[in-house]
Amino acid sequence: MSDEGAPAGDESRMTMLEHLTELRRRLIIAFASVGIGAIIAWIFYPQIIEFLLEPYCRTLEAGEECQLYVRNPLEPFSVRLTVAGYGGVIVAMPMILWQFWAFVAPGLHSHEKRYALPFVWGGVALFFSGAGLAYWSIERALDFLSQVGGEDFTSLFAPGDYLGFVIKMIVAFGVAFEFPIVLIFLQILRILDYRKLVRGRQYAIVGIVILVAFITPSGDPFTLMILSVPMWLFYEISIVFGFLRERQSRKAAKDS
């Protein structure tokens, strides 16, 4: 009898203590990667700040000075720590995804482990695609929010407020773009199938809109649309993946 349907290797018989030891090891590696990434972000802080300020600078009229205003002596240091921390997570994202996969892989069937590289690199590509979309949309969101407030207001942003807004947007979009990876992974584990996704489509669309409104810091209609539409498309792509995967499995079973 083929052993394709069973988890491969002795790792399938790991005890609870061994699982916890393995989890601890993977977490240590992931946190160490974040620490190394944070050091890199700390070193390149001036370049990162210039990059993050660019969307705000593009919203200003000609002749207006593009700068942030510090409200207390500790703010520059705390902002640098925050940027380094989030930067560390972003830089370490490939290693974080790999450690997650390495932890769950022993419990997967041997034929399911072929998804390792697509899972990791697909997750990385989607995260940075979401981050790029967020960066592009920040200027539009700032324009919209300033127009809603009216022309009687002058924007004088503090570093913590502005950079917090930008970083939260980038991280929120990046994490949201992992949505199809989660749905596909759940289908690989047979927790979900494409039929359940089809039946729950209407509820999922409403849930996506609510989730986007909750996780994005601006809450403006433009940002809501620019993130909700890709997440809906990802949902549909996950349905197609599940359908094709099941059809392939049926064909393989029939041929065997």
Protein backbone atom coordinates (compact mmCIF):
# COMPACT_ATOMS: atom_id res chain seq x y z
CA MET A 1 0.00 0.00 0.00
CA SER A 2 1.25 3.50 -0.80
CA ASP A 3 2.28 5.64 2.15
CA GLU A 4 1.39 8.87 0.30
CA GLY A 5 -1.60 9.45 2.54
CA ALA A 6 0.38 9.40 5.79
CA PRO A 7 2.80 11.85 7.31
CA ALA A 8 6.32 10.88 6.37
CA GLY A 9 9.16 9.94 8.67
CA ASP A 10 9.57 9.44 12.41
CA GLU A 11 8.61 13.08 12.96
CA SER A 12 4.95 12.02 12.70
CA ARG A 13 5.36 10.28 16.06
CA MET A 14 6.84 13.24 17.92
CA THR A 15 5.72 13.57 21.53
CA MET A 16 4.13 16.71 22.92
CA LEU A 17 7.42 17.67 24.60
CA GLU A 18 9.27 17.25 21.30
CA HIS A 19 6.67 19.44 19.56
CA LEU A 20 7.12 22.15 22.19
CA THR A 21 10.91 21.90 21.91
CA GLU A 22 10.67 22.23 18.14
CA LEU A 23 8.28 25.19 18.47
CA ARG A 24 10.70 26.88 20.86
CA ARG A 25 13.57 26.38 18.43
CA ARG A 26 11.60 27.80 15.51
CA LEU A 27 10.48 30.81 17.55
CA ILE A 28 14.05 31.53 18.65
CA ILE A 29 15.22 31.50 15.04
CA ALA A 30 12.32 33.72 13.96
CA PHE A 31 12.90 36.26 16.75
CA ALA A 32 16.65 36.25 16.08
CA SER A 33 15.89 37.01 12.44
CA VAL A 34 13.68 39.91 13.48
CA GLY A 35 16.48 41.18 15.71
CA ILE A 36 18.98 41.08 12.86
CA GLY A 37 16.46 42.80 10.60
CA ALA A 38 15.90 45.48 13.25
CA ILE A 39 19.64 46.17 13.41
CA ILE A 40 19.70 46.57 9.62
CA ALA A 41 16.68 48.91 9.76
CA TRP A 42 18.35 50.92 12.57
CA ILE A 43 21.49 51.39 10.46
CA PHE A 44 19.54 52.48 7.39
CA TYR A 45 17.06 54.60 9.37
CA PRO A 46 17.80 57.90 7.50
CA GLN A 47 17.11 56.27 4.14
CA ILE A 48 13.96 54.58 5.46
CA ILE A 49 12.62 57.87 6.85
CA GLU A 50 13.24 59.61 3.54
CA PHE A 51 11.40 56.81 1.76
CA LEU A 52 8.44 56.91 4.16
CA LEU A 53 8.18 60.70 3.98
CA GLU A 54 7.93 60.74 0.19
CA PRO A 55 4.12 60.20 -0.02
CA TYR A 56 3.54 63.10 2.39
CA CYS A 57 5.97 65.37 0.54
CA ARG A 58 4.16 64.75 -2.74
CA THR A 59 0.89 66.03 -1.25
CA LEU A 60 2.37 69.46 -0.41
CA GLU A 61 2.03 72.54 -2.54
CA ALA A 62 5.09 73.97 -4.28
CA GLY A 63 7.25 75.85 -1.79
CA GLU A 64 5.87 74.11 1.29
CA GLU A 65 8.49 72.51 3.51
CA CYS A 66 8.29 68.76 3.94
CA GLN A 67 9.21 68.03 7.54
CA LEU A 68 7.80 66.56 10.74
CA TYR A 69 7.55 68.43 14.03
CA VAL A 70 8.85 66.89 17.24
CA ARG A 71 6.72 67.44 20.35
CA ASN A 72 9.04 66.05 23.01
CA PRO A 73 12.76 65.23 23.32
CA LEU A 74 12.25 61.46 23.44
CA GLU A 75 10.13 61.23 20.30
CA PRO A 76 12.97 60.91 17.75
CA PHE A 77 14.47 58.01 19.69
CA SER A 78 11.13 56.24 20.19
CA VAL A 79 10.29 56.67 16.51
CA ARG A 80 13.63 55.17 15.51
CA LEU A 81 12.97 52.18 17.77
CA THR A 82 9.51 51.73 16.24
CA VAL A 83 10.81 51.94 12.68
CA ALA A 84 13.60 49.49 13.49
CA GLY A 85 11.14 47.06 15.07
CA TYR A 86 8.68 47.04 12.19
CA GLY A 87 11.55 47.07 9.72
CA GLY A 88 12.97 44.00 11.41
CA VAL A 89 9.69 42.13 10.95
CA ILE A 90 9.52 43.10 7.28
CA VAL A 91 13.15 42.15 6.58
CA ALA A 92 12.74 38.84 8.43
CA MET A 93 9.46 37.91 6.74
CA PRO A 94 11.00 35.22 4.48
CA MET A 95 12.64 33.54 7.48
CA ILE A 96 9.46 33.82 9.58
CA LEU A 97 7.41 32.09 6.88
CA TRP A 98 10.07 29.43 6.43
CA GLN A 99 10.17 28.68 10.16
CA PHE A 100 6.38 28.38 10.23
CA TRP A 101 6.48 25.94 7.35
CA ALA A 102 9.35 23.96 8.90
CA PHE A 103 7.31 23.56 12.10
CA VAL A 104 4.12 22.28 10.44
CA ALA A 105 5.78 20.27 7.65
CA PRO A 106 6.47 17.10 9.72
CA GLY A 107 2.72 16.65 10.20
CA LEU A 108 1.95 16.94 6.49
CA HIS A 109 1.64 14.11 4.01
CA SER A 110 4.68 13.50 1.85
CA HIS A 111 2.94 14.69 -1.33
CA GLU A 112 1.88 17.91 0.42
CA LYS A 113 5.43 18.97 1.24
CA ARG A 114 6.02 19.96 -2.37
CA TYR A 115 4.16 23.18 -1.55
CA ALA A 116 7.02 24.36 0.70
CA LEU A 117 8.78 26.72 -1.71
CA PRO A 118 5.57 28.08 -3.29
CA PHE A 119 4.22 28.71 0.22
CA VAL A 120 7.29 30.61 1.41
CA TRP A 121 8.12 32.59 -1.71
CA GLY A 122 4.47 33.14 -2.57
CA GLY A 123 3.92 34.50 0.94
CA VAL A 124 6.93 36.79 0.63
CA ALA A 125 5.86 38.06 -2.80
CA LEU A 126 2.30 38.70 -1.60
CA PHE A 127 3.46 40.50 1.54
CA PHE A 128 5.68 42.88 -0.38
CA SER A 129 3.02 43.34 -3.06
CA GLY A 130 0.60 44.41 -0.35
CA ALA A 131 3.21 46.68 1.20
CA GLY A 132 3.85 48.26 -2.21
CA LEU A 133 0.15 48.84 -2.78
CA ALA A 134 -0.10 50.46 0.65
CA TYR A 135 2.81 52.76 -0.10
CA TRP A 136 1.20 53.79 -3.38
CA SER A 137 -2.18 54.43 -1.72
CA ILE A 138 -0.82 56.54 1.19
CA GLU A 139 -0.55 59.68 -0.91
CA ARG A 140 -4.14 59.25 -2.14
CA ALA A 141 -5.39 58.59 1.37
CA LEU A 142 -3.65 61.72 2.70
CA ASP A 143 -5.13 63.80 -0.13
CA PHE A 144 -8.61 62.47 0.58
CA LEU A 145 -8.39 63.00 4.33
CA SER A 146 -7.06 66.55 3.94
CA GLN A 147 -9.85 67.44 1.49
CA VAL A 148 -12.50 66.09 3.85
CA GLY A 149 -11.12 68.28 6.64
CA GLY A 150 -11.31 71.41 4.50
CA GLU A 151 -8.80 74.07 3.51
CA ASP A 152 -8.79 75.81 6.89
CA PHE A 153 -6.39 73.25 8.36
CA THR A 154 -2.61 73.15 8.02
CA SER A 155 -0.94 69.75 8.39
CA LEU A 156 1.81 69.71 11.02
CA PHE A 157 2.49 66.04 11.60
CA ALA A 158 4.52 64.69 14.49
CA PRO A 159 6.92 61.87 13.58
CA GLY A 160 5.14 59.32 15.75
CA ASP A 161 1.72 60.13 14.30
CA TYR A 162 2.69 60.19 10.65
CA LEU A 163 5.14 57.28 10.67
CA GLY A 164 2.77 55.24 12.83
CA PHE A 165 0.05 55.81 10.22
CA VAL A 166 2.34 54.86 7.32
CA ILE A 167 3.84 51.79 8.99
CA LYS A 168 0.44 50.49 10.10
CA MET A 169 -0.86 50.89 6.54
CA ILE A 170 2.11 49.01 5.09
CA VAL A 171 1.93 46.17 7.64
CA ALA A 172 -1.88 45.92 7.39
CA PHE A 173 -1.78 45.62 3.61
CA GLY A 174 1.13 43.19 3.72
CA VAL A 175 -0.57 40.90 6.22
CA ALA A 176 -3.92 41.15 4.40
CA PHE A 177 -2.24 39.98 1.20
CA GLU A 178 -1.36 36.72 2.97
CA PHE A 179 -5.10 35.91 2.82
CA PRO A 180 -4.89 33.51 -0.16
CA ILE A 181 -1.94 31.69 1.40
CA VAL A 182 -4.05 31.03 4.49
CA LEU A 183 -7.05 29.81 2.49
CA ILE A 184 -4.94 27.58 0.26
CA PHE A 185 -3.03 26.17 3.24
CA LEU A 186 -6.32 25.32 4.99
CA GLN A 187 -7.43 23.49 1.86
CA ILE A 188 -4.16 21.55 1.75
CA LEU A 189 -4.80 20.51 5.37
CA ARG A 190 -8.38 19.56 4.37
CA ILE A 191 -9.84 21.92 6.97
CA LEU A 192 -11.57 23.79 4.15
CA ASP A 193 -12.66 22.84 0.65
CA TYR A 194 -13.69 24.98 -2.27
CA ARG A 195 -17.38 24.09 -1.83
CA LYS A 196 -17.43 25.67 1.63
CA LEU A 197 -15.76 28.76 0.20
CA VAL A 198 -18.39 28.96 -2.55
CA ARG A 199 -21.25 28.60 -0.06
CA GLY A 200 -19.75 31.24 2.23
CA ARG A 201 -18.88 33.74 -0.52
CA GLN A 202 -21.48 36.38 0.44
CA TYR A 203 -20.55 36.27 4.12
CA ALA A 204 -16.87 36.36 3.20
CA ILE A 205 -17.27 39.54 1.15
CA VAL A 206 -19.03 41.30 4.03
CA GLY A 207 -16.37 40.00 6.42
CA ILE A 208 -13.58 41.25 4.16
CA VAL A 209 -15.02 44.78 4.09
CA ILE A 210 -15.44 44.82 7.88
CA LEU A 211 -11.93 43.44 8.42
CA VAL A 212 -10.37 45.99 6.07
CA ALA A 213 -12.20 48.83 7.80
CA PHE A 214 -10.89 47.54 11.13
CA ILE A 215 -7.23 46.95 10.25
CA THR A 216 -6.52 50.04 8.13
CA PRO A 217 -5.73 53.17 10.16
CA SER A 218 -7.25 55.71 7.76
CA GLY A 219 -10.68 54.14 7.26
CA ASP A 220 -11.31 56.26 4.16
CA PRO A 221 -13.38 54.88 1.25
CA PHE A 222 -10.41 54.85 -1.14
CA THR A 223 -8.30 52.66 1.15
CA LEU A 224 -11.32 50.47 1.89
CA MET A 225 -11.83 49.80 -1.81
CA ILE A 226 -8.16 49.45 -2.75
CA LEU A 227 -7.66 46.62 -0.23
CA SER A 228 -11.11 44.97 -0.27
CA VAL A 229 -11.06 44.31 -4.02
CA PRO A 230 -7.74 42.38 -4.02
CA MET A 231 -8.83 40.36 -0.99
CA TRP A 232 -12.07 39.42 -2.77
CA LEU A 233 -10.07 38.40 -5.86
CA PHE A 234 -7.77 36.33 -3.64
CA TYR A 235 -10.86 34.59 -2.25
CA GLU A 236 -12.01 33.69 -5.76
CA ILE A 237 -8.52 32.49 -6.71
CA SER A 238 -8.53 30.22 -3.64
CA ILE A 239 -11.80 28.69 -4.84
CA VAL A 240 -10.29 28.01 -8.27
CA PHE A 241 -7.21 26.47 -6.63
CA GLY A 242 -9.37 24.15 -4.53
CA PHE A 243 -11.45 23.10 -7.54
CA LEU A 244 -8.40 22.35 -9.69
CA ARG A 245 -6.63 20.54 -6.86
CA GLU A 246 -9.64 18.29 -6.20
CA ARG A 247 -10.07 17.55 -9.91
CA GLN A 248 -6.39 16.63 -10.15
CA SER A 249 -6.71 14.35 -7.10
CA ARG A 250 -9.74 12.58 -8.60
CA LYS A 251 -7.91 12.10 -11.90
CA ALA A 252 -4.83 10.71 -10.13
CA ALA A 253 -6.98 8.31 -8.10
CA LYS A 254 -8.79 7.16 -11.23
CA ASP A 255 -5.53 6.57 -13.12
CA SER A 256 -4.08 4.56 -10.25
